[in-house]
Structures are given as C-alpha cells and as structure tokens.
C-alpha cells in the first residue's frame, strides 16, 4: 500500500474509544437519514470488520492516508466532513506504521463511510472486497475480506434485531 504522510493535516494523538455495534447502528441511522438502510447496515459491517472493538482517532472505518492525485485518496468534494489530522498506527496487513486519518467525531467518519458505500454500491461482501479493500478475486486478501465482511454483516443484522426486539 502506498501510504503518504499528509502535508496539510497535523499529527494528532491516537485516541481510543469503545463503540459497540448498537451505537454504530444508531449513529448510521442518524448520520445520513436519506441513505438506503442497506447502505447503513453495510457501512456498520465495514466498521465492525475494519475496527471491530476499539476505534482509534475517531476513524471507525480504517481509512489510511494514500493516493497521489487527491488529498488522502479521494476527491476533495467527497470529504464531508474532512479529517482533522492523522495518527501514526500500525497497519493491520503489514504491521508498518502508517498515517491513519483522524476525525473530530467517530460519527463523522461513519457518515463519510455511508456516503462511500452508497456511491460504490458496496452492499455485499464481494463489492466491499473489490471497492474498499481493493483485493482481486481468487486472492487470499479477497477471501479474507469477503469472510470478514460477511461475519461483520451478520453481527450488524443481529444487533439491529436486538434493538428492534427491545422496541416491541
């Protein structure tokens, strides 16, 4: 992965917070009311796969700073809200220290993710593996991404059912 230290963002502390599945679902429902429910569930599944327990630097979706053309890997207009800095964390696949984008609130990164899920139609495991992870079918990384998303999606749906059962 071609990580780059952002020159336009400050280095910030790698704060840590717990964020249970139900809290992620509630935030997804509130973050983008107009987004399809399947986008919200898929976004929560991605967060549960990328940052399953603790969330670092307000970044629930594991967004690392990469890309040569646009800041941090996407076009400027897609960053709403924008990151407030970056923290240097160990990247899961390589173990190398890499710039992990930081957000003011964890809900901000989730809102960004819901937008990306909607724009890329990442409602299913194979789309996640291709469009978010960037893995190719037939590779170990692809198989792990598909399995991870599938397991996380099942946890997100189970949490949603538990929430609904308490409302009944």
N, C-alpha and C. Protein backbone atom coordinates (compact mmCIF):
# COMPACT_ATOMS: atom_id res chain seq x y z
N UNK A 1 0.85 -1.17 0.00
CA UNK A 1 0.00 0.00 0.00
C UNK A 1 0.90 1.23 0.00
N UNK A 2 0.55 2.21 -0.80
CA UNK A 2 1.34 3.43 -0.93
C UNK A 2 0.82 4.50 0.02
N UNK A 3 1.19 4.40 1.29
CA UNK A 3 0.76 5.39 2.26
C UNK A 3 1.61 6.64 2.15
N UNK A 4 0.99 7.77 2.43
CA UNK A 4 1.69 9.04 2.41
C UNK A 4 1.33 9.83 3.65
N UNK A 5 2.32 10.48 4.22
CA UNK A 5 2.06 11.39 5.35
C UNK A 5 1.40 12.63 4.77
N UNK A 6 0.22 13.01 5.26
CA UNK A 6 -0.44 14.21 4.73
C UNK A 6 0.35 15.47 5.12
N UNK A 7 0.53 16.34 4.17
CA UNK A 7 1.26 17.58 4.45
C UNK A 7 0.32 18.70 4.88
N UNK A 8 -0.98 18.47 4.75
CA UNK A 8 -1.95 19.51 5.08
C UNK A 8 -2.76 19.21 6.33
N UNK A 9 -2.39 18.17 7.07
CA UNK A 9 -3.07 17.80 8.31
C UNK A 9 -2.05 17.65 9.43
N UNK A 10 -2.42 18.00 10.66
CA UNK A 10 -1.48 17.83 11.77
C UNK A 10 -1.45 16.40 12.29
N UNK A 11 -0.33 16.01 12.85
CA UNK A 11 -0.21 14.75 13.57
C UNK A 11 -0.96 14.91 14.89
N UNK A 12 -1.84 13.95 15.21
CA UNK A 12 -2.63 14.02 16.44
C UNK A 12 -2.42 12.73 17.24
N UNK A 13 -2.81 12.76 18.50
CA UNK A 13 -2.71 11.59 19.35
C UNK A 13 -3.67 10.51 18.87
N UNK A 14 -3.27 9.28 19.03
CA UNK A 14 -4.10 8.14 18.62
C UNK A 14 -5.08 7.80 19.74
N UNK A 15 -6.10 8.62 19.90
CA UNK A 15 -7.12 8.38 20.94
C UNK A 15 -7.85 7.07 20.65
N UNK A 16 -8.38 6.47 21.70
CA UNK A 16 -9.07 5.18 21.57
C UNK A 16 -10.42 5.28 22.27
N UNK A 17 -11.45 4.70 21.64
CA UNK A 17 -12.76 4.64 22.29
C UNK A 17 -13.46 3.34 21.94
N UNK A 18 -14.30 2.88 22.85
CA UNK A 18 -15.16 1.73 22.57
C UNK A 18 -16.35 2.23 21.78
N UNK A 19 -16.83 1.41 20.86
CA UNK A 19 -18.01 1.77 20.09
C UNK A 19 -18.76 0.50 19.73
N UNK A 20 -19.70 0.06 20.59
CA UNK A 20 -20.44 -1.18 20.35
C UNK A 20 -21.28 -1.13 19.07
N UNK A 21 -21.65 -2.30 18.60
CA UNK A 21 -22.39 -2.42 17.35
C UNK A 21 -23.69 -1.61 17.37
N UNK A 22 -24.43 -1.67 18.47
CA UNK A 22 -25.69 -0.93 18.53
C UNK A 22 -25.48 0.57 18.43
N UNK A 23 -24.45 1.07 19.06
CA UNK A 23 -24.15 2.51 18.96
C UNK A 23 -23.77 2.88 17.53
N UNK A 24 -23.07 1.99 16.85
CA UNK A 24 -22.72 2.23 15.44
C UNK A 24 -23.98 2.27 14.58
N UNK A 25 -24.90 1.35 14.84
CA UNK A 25 -26.15 1.33 14.07
C UNK A 25 -26.97 2.60 14.31
N UNK A 26 -27.08 3.02 15.56
CA UNK A 26 -27.83 4.24 15.86
C UNK A 26 -27.19 5.44 15.14
N UNK A 27 -25.87 5.51 15.17
CA UNK A 27 -25.18 6.61 14.51
C UNK A 27 -25.36 6.55 12.99
N UNK A 28 -25.35 5.36 12.42
CA UNK A 28 -25.54 5.23 10.97
C UNK A 28 -26.94 5.70 10.57
N UNK A 29 -27.93 5.38 11.39
CA UNK A 29 -29.30 5.80 11.08
C UNK A 29 -29.41 7.32 11.12
N UNK A 30 -28.70 7.95 12.04
CA UNK A 30 -28.78 9.40 12.21
C UNK A 30 -27.85 10.16 11.26
N UNK A 31 -26.72 9.55 10.90
CA UNK A 31 -25.69 10.27 10.14
C UNK A 31 -26.17 10.70 8.75
N UNK A 32 -26.84 9.82 8.07
CA UNK A 32 -27.30 10.10 6.72
C UNK A 32 -28.73 9.59 6.58
N UNK A 33 -29.72 10.37 7.06
CA UNK A 33 -31.11 9.90 7.04
C UNK A 33 -31.60 9.51 5.64
N UNK A 34 -31.10 10.15 4.61
CA UNK A 34 -31.57 9.89 3.25
C UNK A 34 -30.96 8.63 2.63
N UNK A 35 -29.91 8.08 3.23
CA UNK A 35 -29.24 6.91 2.66
C UNK A 35 -30.11 5.66 2.82
N UNK A 36 -30.01 4.73 1.88
CA UNK A 36 -30.77 3.49 2.00
C UNK A 36 -30.34 2.70 3.24
N UNK A 37 -31.28 2.00 3.85
CA UNK A 37 -30.98 1.22 5.05
C UNK A 37 -29.88 0.21 4.78
N UNK A 38 -29.87 -0.38 3.60
CA UNK A 38 -28.83 -1.37 3.30
C UNK A 38 -27.45 -0.74 3.26
N UNK A 39 -27.36 0.54 2.89
CA UNK A 39 -26.07 1.23 2.92
C UNK A 39 -25.61 1.42 4.36
N UNK A 40 -26.55 1.72 5.24
CA UNK A 40 -26.21 1.93 6.64
C UNK A 40 -25.75 0.63 7.30
N UNK A 41 -26.47 -0.45 7.03
CA UNK A 41 -26.08 -1.75 7.60
C UNK A 41 -24.72 -2.17 7.04
N UNK A 42 -24.51 -2.01 5.75
CA UNK A 42 -23.22 -2.37 5.14
C UNK A 42 -22.10 -1.52 5.71
N UNK A 43 -22.35 -0.23 5.92
CA UNK A 43 -21.32 0.64 6.50
C UNK A 43 -20.96 0.19 7.91
N UNK A 44 -21.96 -0.16 8.70
CA UNK A 44 -21.68 -0.65 10.05
C UNK A 44 -20.90 -1.96 9.96
N UNK A 45 -21.25 -2.82 9.03
CA UNK A 45 -20.50 -4.07 8.85
C UNK A 45 -19.03 -3.78 8.53
N UNK A 46 -18.79 -2.80 7.68
CA UNK A 46 -17.41 -2.44 7.36
C UNK A 46 -16.68 -1.96 8.61
N UNK A 47 -17.35 -1.15 9.43
CA UNK A 47 -16.69 -0.67 10.65
C UNK A 47 -16.39 -1.83 11.60
N UNK A 48 -17.30 -2.78 11.68
CA UNK A 48 -17.09 -3.93 12.56
C UNK A 48 -15.97 -4.83 12.05
N UNK A 49 -15.74 -4.82 10.75
CA UNK A 49 -14.64 -5.59 10.17
C UNK A 49 -13.32 -4.83 10.29
N UNK A 50 -13.35 -3.53 9.99
CA UNK A 50 -12.13 -2.72 9.98
C UNK A 50 -11.66 -2.36 11.40
N UNK A 51 -12.58 -2.00 12.27
CA UNK A 51 -12.28 -1.59 13.65
C UNK A 51 -13.26 -2.33 14.57
N UNK A 52 -13.05 -3.63 14.78
CA UNK A 52 -14.05 -4.46 15.44
C UNK A 52 -14.33 -4.13 16.90
N UNK A 53 -13.38 -3.68 17.64
CA UNK A 53 -13.63 -3.40 19.04
C UNK A 53 -13.43 -1.93 19.32
N UNK A 54 -12.21 -1.55 19.50
CA UNK A 54 -11.88 -0.17 19.79
C UNK A 54 -11.74 0.62 18.49
N UNK A 55 -12.06 1.89 18.56
CA UNK A 55 -11.95 2.79 17.42
C UNK A 55 -10.86 3.80 17.73
N UNK A 56 -9.93 3.96 16.82
CA UNK A 56 -8.80 4.87 17.01
C UNK A 56 -9.00 6.17 16.26
N UNK A 57 -8.67 7.26 16.91
CA UNK A 57 -8.64 8.60 16.29
C UNK A 57 -9.96 8.98 15.62
N UNK A 58 -11.08 8.50 16.16
CA UNK A 58 -12.38 8.82 15.61
C UNK A 58 -12.62 8.28 14.22
N UNK A 59 -11.86 7.25 13.84
CA UNK A 59 -11.90 6.70 12.48
C UNK A 59 -12.40 5.26 12.57
N UNK A 60 -13.70 5.06 12.38
CA UNK A 60 -14.30 3.74 12.55
C UNK A 60 -14.13 2.84 11.35
N UNK A 61 -13.61 3.37 10.25
CA UNK A 61 -13.56 2.56 9.03
C UNK A 61 -12.15 2.32 8.50
N UNK A 62 -11.15 2.57 9.32
CA UNK A 62 -9.79 2.20 8.95
C UNK A 62 -9.22 2.97 7.78
N UNK A 63 -9.61 4.21 7.60
CA UNK A 63 -9.15 4.98 6.44
C UNK A 63 -7.71 5.42 6.66
N UNK A 64 -6.84 4.95 5.78
CA UNK A 64 -5.44 5.31 5.81
C UNK A 64 -5.19 6.37 4.74
N UNK A 65 -4.18 7.17 4.95
CA UNK A 65 -3.86 8.24 4.00
C UNK A 65 -3.05 7.66 2.85
N UNK A 66 -3.62 7.70 1.67
CA UNK A 66 -2.95 7.18 0.49
C UNK A 66 -3.45 7.91 -0.74
N UNK A 67 -2.75 7.77 -1.81
CA UNK A 67 -3.16 8.39 -3.06
C UNK A 67 -2.25 9.54 -3.44
N UNK A 68 -2.06 9.70 -4.72
CA UNK A 68 -1.15 10.71 -5.23
C UNK A 68 -1.86 11.94 -5.77
N UNK A 69 -3.05 11.77 -6.34
CA UNK A 69 -3.71 12.85 -7.04
C UNK A 69 -4.50 13.76 -6.13
N UNK A 70 -5.32 13.20 -5.29
CA UNK A 70 -6.19 13.98 -4.43
C UNK A 70 -5.76 13.78 -2.98
N UNK A 71 -6.12 14.71 -2.12
CA UNK A 71 -5.72 14.54 -0.72
C UNK A 71 -6.29 13.25 -0.14
N UNK A 72 -5.45 12.45 0.41
CA UNK A 72 -5.81 11.30 1.22
C UNK A 72 -6.51 10.18 0.46
N UNK A 73 -6.57 10.21 -0.85
CA UNK A 73 -7.10 9.08 -1.60
C UNK A 73 -8.45 9.27 -2.26
N UNK A 74 -9.16 10.37 -2.02
CA UNK A 74 -10.43 10.65 -2.69
C UNK A 74 -10.44 12.09 -3.18
N UNK A 75 -11.38 12.39 -4.05
CA UNK A 75 -11.52 13.79 -4.49
C UNK A 75 -11.93 14.68 -3.33
N UNK A 76 -11.51 15.91 -3.40
CA UNK A 76 -11.82 16.90 -2.35
C UNK A 76 -13.31 16.96 -2.02
N UNK A 77 -14.17 16.95 -3.04
CA UNK A 77 -15.60 17.13 -2.82
C UNK A 77 -16.21 15.96 -2.04
N UNK A 78 -15.55 14.81 -2.00
CA UNK A 78 -16.08 13.65 -1.31
C UNK A 78 -15.82 13.69 0.20
N UNK A 79 -14.94 14.58 0.65
CA UNK A 79 -14.60 14.62 2.07
C UNK A 79 -15.54 15.54 2.82
N UNK A 80 -16.65 14.98 3.27
CA UNK A 80 -17.60 15.73 4.07
C UNK A 80 -18.07 14.83 5.20
N UNK A 81 -17.62 15.05 6.39
CA UNK A 81 -16.68 16.08 6.83
C UNK A 81 -15.24 15.65 6.58
N UNK A 82 -14.38 16.62 6.64
CA UNK A 82 -12.96 16.37 6.39
C UNK A 82 -12.27 15.86 7.65
N UNK A 83 -11.21 15.08 7.47
CA UNK A 83 -10.41 14.69 8.64
C UNK A 83 -9.80 15.91 9.31
N UNK A 84 -9.49 15.78 10.60
CA UNK A 84 -8.90 16.88 11.36
C UNK A 84 -7.41 16.68 11.59
N UNK A 85 -6.91 15.53 11.20
CA UNK A 85 -5.49 15.23 11.39
C UNK A 85 -5.22 13.79 11.02
N UNK A 86 -4.05 13.30 11.46
CA UNK A 86 -3.71 11.90 11.26
C UNK A 86 -2.92 11.41 12.46
N UNK A 87 -3.04 10.12 12.72
CA UNK A 87 -2.27 9.46 13.78
C UNK A 87 -1.43 8.38 13.11
N UNK A 88 -0.26 8.11 13.63
CA UNK A 88 0.56 7.02 13.10
C UNK A 88 0.24 5.75 13.88
N UNK A 89 -0.34 4.77 13.19
CA UNK A 89 -0.72 3.49 13.79
C UNK A 89 -0.13 2.35 12.98
N UNK A 90 -0.05 1.19 13.59
CA UNK A 90 0.40 0.00 12.87
C UNK A 90 -0.72 -0.46 11.95
N UNK A 91 -0.40 -0.62 10.68
CA UNK A 91 -1.36 -1.08 9.68
C UNK A 91 -1.56 -2.58 9.87
N UNK A 92 -2.82 -3.03 9.81
CA UNK A 92 -3.15 -4.42 10.11
C UNK A 92 -2.51 -5.45 9.21
N UNK A 93 -2.44 -5.20 7.92
CA UNK A 93 -1.94 -6.20 6.98
C UNK A 93 -0.42 -6.30 7.01
N UNK A 94 0.27 -5.17 7.14
CA UNK A 94 1.74 -5.18 7.04
C UNK A 94 2.44 -5.05 8.38
N UNK A 95 1.77 -4.43 9.37
CA UNK A 95 2.42 -4.16 10.63
C UNK A 95 3.27 -2.90 10.61
N UNK A 96 3.33 -2.23 9.46
CA UNK A 96 4.10 -1.00 9.34
C UNK A 96 3.31 0.17 9.92
N UNK A 97 4.04 1.18 10.41
CA UNK A 97 3.35 2.40 10.86
C UNK A 97 2.88 3.16 9.62
N UNK A 98 1.64 3.61 9.70
CA UNK A 98 1.05 4.30 8.56
C UNK A 98 0.13 5.41 9.06
N UNK A 99 -0.09 6.44 8.23
CA UNK A 99 -0.96 7.54 8.62
C UNK A 99 -2.44 7.14 8.57
N UNK A 100 -3.07 7.18 9.71
CA UNK A 100 -4.46 6.79 9.91
C UNK A 100 -5.22 8.09 10.11
N UNK A 101 -6.13 8.40 9.21
CA UNK A 101 -6.83 9.68 9.27
C UNK A 101 -7.66 9.80 10.55
N UNK A 102 -7.67 10.99 11.13
CA UNK A 102 -8.39 11.25 12.38
C UNK A 102 -9.58 12.16 12.11
N UNK A 103 -10.68 11.89 12.78
CA UNK A 103 -11.89 12.70 12.65
C UNK A 103 -12.25 13.28 14.00
N UNK A 104 -12.92 14.42 13.98
CA UNK A 104 -13.32 15.09 15.22
C UNK A 104 -14.26 14.20 16.04
N UNK A 105 -15.15 13.51 15.35
CA UNK A 105 -16.11 12.61 16.00
C UNK A 105 -16.17 11.33 15.20
N UNK A 106 -16.37 10.23 15.86
CA UNK A 106 -16.45 8.95 15.17
C UNK A 106 -17.65 8.93 14.22
N UNK A 107 -18.71 9.67 14.56
CA UNK A 107 -19.88 9.76 13.67
C UNK A 107 -19.52 10.41 12.33
N UNK A 108 -18.52 11.28 12.35
CA UNK A 108 -18.09 11.93 11.10
C UNK A 108 -17.50 10.90 10.13
N UNK A 109 -16.66 10.02 10.63
CA UNK A 109 -16.07 9.01 9.75
C UNK A 109 -17.14 8.03 9.27
N UNK A 110 -18.12 7.73 10.13
CA UNK A 110 -19.20 6.83 9.72
C UNK A 110 -20.06 7.47 8.64
N UNK A 111 -20.36 8.76 8.77
CA UNK A 111 -21.11 9.45 7.72
C UNK A 111 -20.37 9.42 6.39
N UNK A 112 -19.06 9.65 6.44
CA UNK A 112 -18.25 9.56 5.23
C UNK A 112 -18.35 8.15 4.63
N UNK A 113 -18.28 7.14 5.48
CA UNK A 113 -18.35 5.76 5.00
C UNK A 113 -19.71 5.44 4.39
N UNK A 114 -20.79 5.88 5.01
CA UNK A 114 -22.13 5.65 4.44
C UNK A 114 -22.18 6.26 3.03
N UNK A 115 -21.62 7.44 2.86
CA UNK A 115 -21.58 8.07 1.53
C UNK A 115 -20.81 7.21 0.54
N UNK A 116 -19.66 6.67 0.96
CA UNK A 116 -18.84 5.84 0.06
C UNK A 116 -19.56 4.54 -0.28
N UNK A 117 -20.21 3.92 0.71
CA UNK A 117 -20.96 2.68 0.47
C UNK A 117 -22.05 2.94 -0.56
N UNK A 118 -22.77 4.03 -0.40
CA UNK A 118 -23.85 4.37 -1.33
C UNK A 118 -23.30 4.64 -2.73
N UNK A 119 -22.25 5.44 -2.83
CA UNK A 119 -21.69 5.80 -4.13
C UNK A 119 -21.12 4.59 -4.87
N UNK A 120 -20.57 3.64 -4.13
CA UNK A 120 -19.92 2.48 -4.75
C UNK A 120 -20.79 1.22 -4.73
N UNK A 121 -22.02 1.32 -4.23
CA UNK A 121 -22.91 0.16 -4.11
C UNK A 121 -22.24 -0.99 -3.39
N UNK A 122 -21.59 -0.70 -2.27
CA UNK A 122 -20.88 -1.73 -1.50
C UNK A 122 -21.82 -2.36 -0.47
N UNK A 123 -22.86 -2.99 -0.96
CA UNK A 123 -23.85 -3.58 -0.06
C UNK A 123 -23.54 -5.04 0.26
N UNK A 124 -22.63 -5.62 -0.47
CA UNK A 124 -22.33 -7.04 -0.31
C UNK A 124 -20.83 -7.26 -0.17
N UNK A 125 -20.48 -8.43 0.31
CA UNK A 125 -19.09 -8.75 0.63
C UNK A 125 -18.15 -8.63 -0.57
N UNK A 126 -18.58 -9.10 -1.73
CA UNK A 126 -17.69 -9.04 -2.90
C UNK A 126 -17.43 -7.60 -3.33
N UNK A 127 -18.46 -6.75 -3.26
CA UNK A 127 -18.26 -5.33 -3.59
C UNK A 127 -17.33 -4.65 -2.60
N UNK A 128 -17.45 -5.01 -1.32
CA UNK A 128 -16.55 -4.48 -0.30
C UNK A 128 -15.11 -4.89 -0.61
N UNK A 129 -14.90 -6.17 -0.89
CA UNK A 129 -13.55 -6.67 -1.16
C UNK A 129 -12.93 -5.97 -2.37
N UNK A 130 -13.73 -5.74 -3.40
CA UNK A 130 -13.23 -5.08 -4.61
C UNK A 130 -13.07 -3.57 -4.43
N UNK A 131 -14.11 -2.92 -3.91
CA UNK A 131 -14.17 -1.46 -3.93
C UNK A 131 -13.57 -0.77 -2.71
N UNK A 132 -13.51 -1.43 -1.58
CA UNK A 132 -12.94 -0.80 -0.38
C UNK A 132 -11.54 -1.34 -0.10
N UNK A 133 -11.43 -2.67 -0.10
CA UNK A 133 -10.13 -3.29 0.19
C UNK A 133 -9.22 -3.22 -1.04
N UNK A 134 -9.81 -3.29 -2.22
CA UNK A 134 -9.01 -3.27 -3.45
C UNK A 134 -8.39 -4.63 -3.76
N UNK A 135 -9.02 -5.69 -3.29
CA UNK A 135 -8.50 -7.05 -3.49
C UNK A 135 -9.04 -7.64 -4.79
N UNK A 136 -8.28 -8.54 -5.33
CA UNK A 136 -8.70 -9.22 -6.57
C UNK A 136 -9.29 -10.58 -6.26
N UNK A 137 -10.37 -10.96 -6.98
CA UNK A 137 -10.96 -12.28 -6.76
C UNK A 137 -9.90 -13.37 -6.94
N UNK A 138 -10.01 -14.39 -6.10
CA UNK A 138 -9.08 -15.51 -6.16
C UNK A 138 -7.86 -15.35 -5.26
N UNK A 139 -7.68 -14.18 -4.67
CA UNK A 139 -6.54 -13.97 -3.78
C UNK A 139 -6.93 -14.24 -2.33
N UNK A 140 -5.93 -14.46 -1.50
CA UNK A 140 -6.16 -14.66 -0.07
C UNK A 140 -6.79 -13.41 0.55
N UNK A 141 -6.31 -12.24 0.17
CA UNK A 141 -6.85 -10.99 0.70
C UNK A 141 -8.33 -10.85 0.37
N UNK A 142 -8.70 -11.20 -0.85
CA UNK A 142 -10.10 -11.12 -1.27
C UNK A 142 -10.96 -12.07 -0.42
N UNK A 143 -10.50 -13.31 -0.27
CA UNK A 143 -11.26 -14.30 0.51
C UNK A 143 -11.41 -13.84 1.96
N UNK A 144 -10.34 -13.29 2.55
CA UNK A 144 -10.41 -12.80 3.93
C UNK A 144 -11.36 -11.61 4.05
N UNK A 145 -11.33 -10.72 3.06
CA UNK A 145 -12.21 -9.55 3.09
C UNK A 145 -13.67 -9.97 2.96
N UNK A 146 -13.97 -10.89 2.08
CA UNK A 146 -15.33 -11.38 1.90
C UNK A 146 -15.81 -12.06 3.19
N UNK A 147 -14.99 -12.90 3.76
CA UNK A 147 -15.36 -13.60 5.00
C UNK A 147 -15.53 -12.60 6.15
N UNK A 148 -14.61 -11.67 6.27
CA UNK A 148 -14.70 -10.67 7.34
C UNK A 148 -15.94 -9.82 7.24
N UNK A 149 -16.24 -9.35 6.03
CA UNK A 149 -17.44 -8.54 5.83
C UNK A 149 -18.69 -9.36 6.14
N UNK A 150 -18.73 -10.61 5.64
CA UNK A 150 -19.89 -11.47 5.88
C UNK A 150 -20.16 -11.68 7.35
N UNK A 151 -19.11 -11.98 8.11
CA UNK A 151 -19.26 -12.16 9.56
C UNK A 151 -19.72 -10.87 10.23
N UNK A 152 -19.11 -9.75 9.84
CA UNK A 152 -19.46 -8.46 10.43
C UNK A 152 -20.89 -8.07 10.06
N UNK A 153 -21.31 -8.36 8.84
CA UNK A 153 -22.67 -8.05 8.41
C UNK A 153 -23.67 -8.82 9.27
N UNK A 154 -23.37 -10.10 9.51
CA UNK A 154 -24.25 -10.90 10.36
C UNK A 154 -24.35 -10.33 11.77
N UNK A 155 -23.23 -9.83 12.31
CA UNK A 155 -23.24 -9.21 13.64
C UNK A 155 -24.07 -7.92 13.63
N UNK A 156 -23.94 -7.15 12.55
CA UNK A 156 -24.71 -5.90 12.45
C UNK A 156 -26.20 -6.18 12.39
N UNK A 157 -26.60 -7.16 11.60
CA UNK A 157 -28.02 -7.51 11.49
C UNK A 157 -28.54 -8.05 12.82
N UNK A 158 -27.74 -8.88 13.50
CA UNK A 158 -28.16 -9.40 14.80
C UNK A 158 -28.35 -8.26 15.81
N UNK A 159 -27.45 -7.30 15.79
CA UNK A 159 -27.58 -6.14 16.69
C UNK A 159 -28.83 -5.34 16.35
N UNK A 160 -29.12 -5.20 15.06
CA UNK A 160 -30.31 -4.47 14.64
C UNK A 160 -31.57 -5.18 15.13
N UNK A 161 -31.61 -6.50 15.02
CA UNK A 161 -32.76 -7.26 15.52
C UNK A 161 -32.90 -7.14 17.04
N UNK A 162 -31.78 -7.11 17.75
CA UNK A 162 -31.85 -6.93 19.20
C UNK A 162 -32.42 -5.55 19.54
N UNK A 163 -32.03 -4.55 18.79
CA UNK A 163 -32.58 -3.21 19.01
C UNK A 163 -34.07 -3.19 18.75
N UNK A 164 -34.48 -3.81 17.67
CA UNK A 164 -35.90 -3.85 17.30
C UNK A 164 -36.72 -4.62 18.33
N UNK A 165 -36.15 -5.71 18.85
CA UNK A 165 -36.87 -6.51 19.84
C UNK A 165 -37.13 -5.70 21.12
N UNK A 166 -36.22 -4.85 21.49
CA UNK A 166 -36.42 -4.03 22.69
C UNK A 166 -37.49 -2.96 22.48
N UNK A 167 -37.72 -2.59 21.23
CA UNK A 167 -38.75 -1.59 20.93
C UNK A 167 -40.15 -2.20 20.90
N UNK A 168 -40.22 -3.51 20.69
CA UNK A 168 -41.52 -4.18 20.57
C UNK A 168 -42.23 -4.30 21.90
